[in-house]
Amino acid sequence: MSPSEAKKEIFWIAFKSLPKKERQSIVERLLKDSEFSEDLIDIAILKQRENEPSKPLEDYLAEKEKR
């Protein structure tokens, strides 16, 4: 495990060990940061769509022009 992965694991273990109210407070604080919130939304969308087939940009643009 790399030092970076170890830090992430320690953070995650510490976060999960907190009482639910404290975890919720931390998440609420993170979501108040607009840049973090946007990143989180992007990650969630990518995760949801990770199994969708990819499409070349040219095909997408051609379809978009037809609309």
Protein backbone atom coordinates (compact mmCIF):
# COMPACT_ATOMS: atom_id res chain seq x y z
CA MET A 1 0.00 0.00 0.00
CA SER A 2 1.41 3.38 -1.00
CA PRO A 3 1.68 6.22 1.56
CA SER A 4 -1.16 8.01 -0.23
CA GLU A 5 -3.41 4.95 -0.08
CA ALA A 6 -2.53 4.47 3.59
CA LYS A 7 -3.56 8.06 4.38
CA LYS A 8 -6.86 7.56 2.58
CA GLU A 9 -7.50 4.34 4.47
CA ILE A 10 -6.72 5.95 7.83
CA PHE A 11 -9.03 8.86 7.03
CA TRP A 12 -11.82 6.50 5.96
CA ILE A 13 -11.49 4.34 9.08
CA ALA A 14 -11.51 7.45 11.30
CA PHE A 15 -14.53 8.89 9.48
CA LYS A 16 -16.49 5.64 9.71
CA SER A 17 -15.72 5.36 13.43
CA LEU A 18 -17.43 8.69 14.17
CA PRO A 19 -21.01 8.76 15.42
CA LYS A 20 -23.58 9.24 12.66
CA LYS A 21 -24.34 12.87 13.64
CA GLU A 22 -20.65 13.82 13.42
CA ARG A 23 -20.29 12.11 10.02
CA GLN A 24 -23.37 13.97 8.80
CA SER A 25 -21.93 17.26 10.05
CA ILE A 26 -18.70 16.66 8.13
CA VAL A 27 -20.56 15.77 4.93
CA GLU A 28 -22.75 18.86 5.26
CA ARG A 29 -19.65 21.01 5.67
CA LEU A 30 -18.05 19.44 2.60
CA LEU A 31 -21.19 20.03 0.53
CA LYS A 32 -21.16 23.73 1.42
CA ASP A 33 -17.96 23.98 -0.63
CA SER A 34 -19.31 24.54 -4.16
CA GLU A 35 -16.20 23.20 -5.92
CA PHE A 36 -16.24 20.00 -3.84
CA SER A 37 -19.99 19.63 -4.35
CA GLU A 38 -19.62 19.95 -8.13
CA ASP A 39 -16.78 17.39 -8.12
CA LEU A 40 -18.92 15.00 -6.08
CA ILE A 41 -21.81 15.32 -8.52
CA ASP A 42 -19.44 14.69 -11.45
CA ILE A 43 -18.03 11.58 -9.75
CA ALA A 44 -21.53 10.26 -9.02
CA ILE A 45 -22.61 10.74 -12.64
CA LEU A 46 -19.46 9.04 -13.95
CA LYS A 47 -20.00 6.13 -11.57
CA GLN A 48 -23.63 5.73 -12.69
CA ARG A 49 -22.67 5.79 -16.36
CA GLU A 50 -19.43 3.78 -16.24
CA ASN A 51 -20.99 0.76 -17.97
CA GLU A 52 -22.53 2.73 -20.82
CA PRO A 53 -20.84 2.33 -24.18
CA SER A 54 -18.63 5.20 -25.23
CA LYS A 55 -19.35 7.24 -28.32
CA PRO A 56 -16.93 9.19 -30.51
CA LEU A 57 -17.26 12.97 -30.12
CA GLU A 58 -17.95 13.37 -33.83
CA ASP A 59 -20.97 11.04 -33.56
CA TYR A 60 -22.32 12.92 -30.55
CA LEU A 61 -21.93 16.28 -32.30
CA ALA A 62 -23.61 14.95 -35.45
CA GLU A 63 -26.57 13.68 -33.40
CA LYS A 64 -26.79 16.97 -31.55
CA GLU A 65 -26.96 18.93 -34.81
CA LYS A 66 -29.88 16.78 -36.02
CA ARG A 67 -32.01 17.84 -33.01
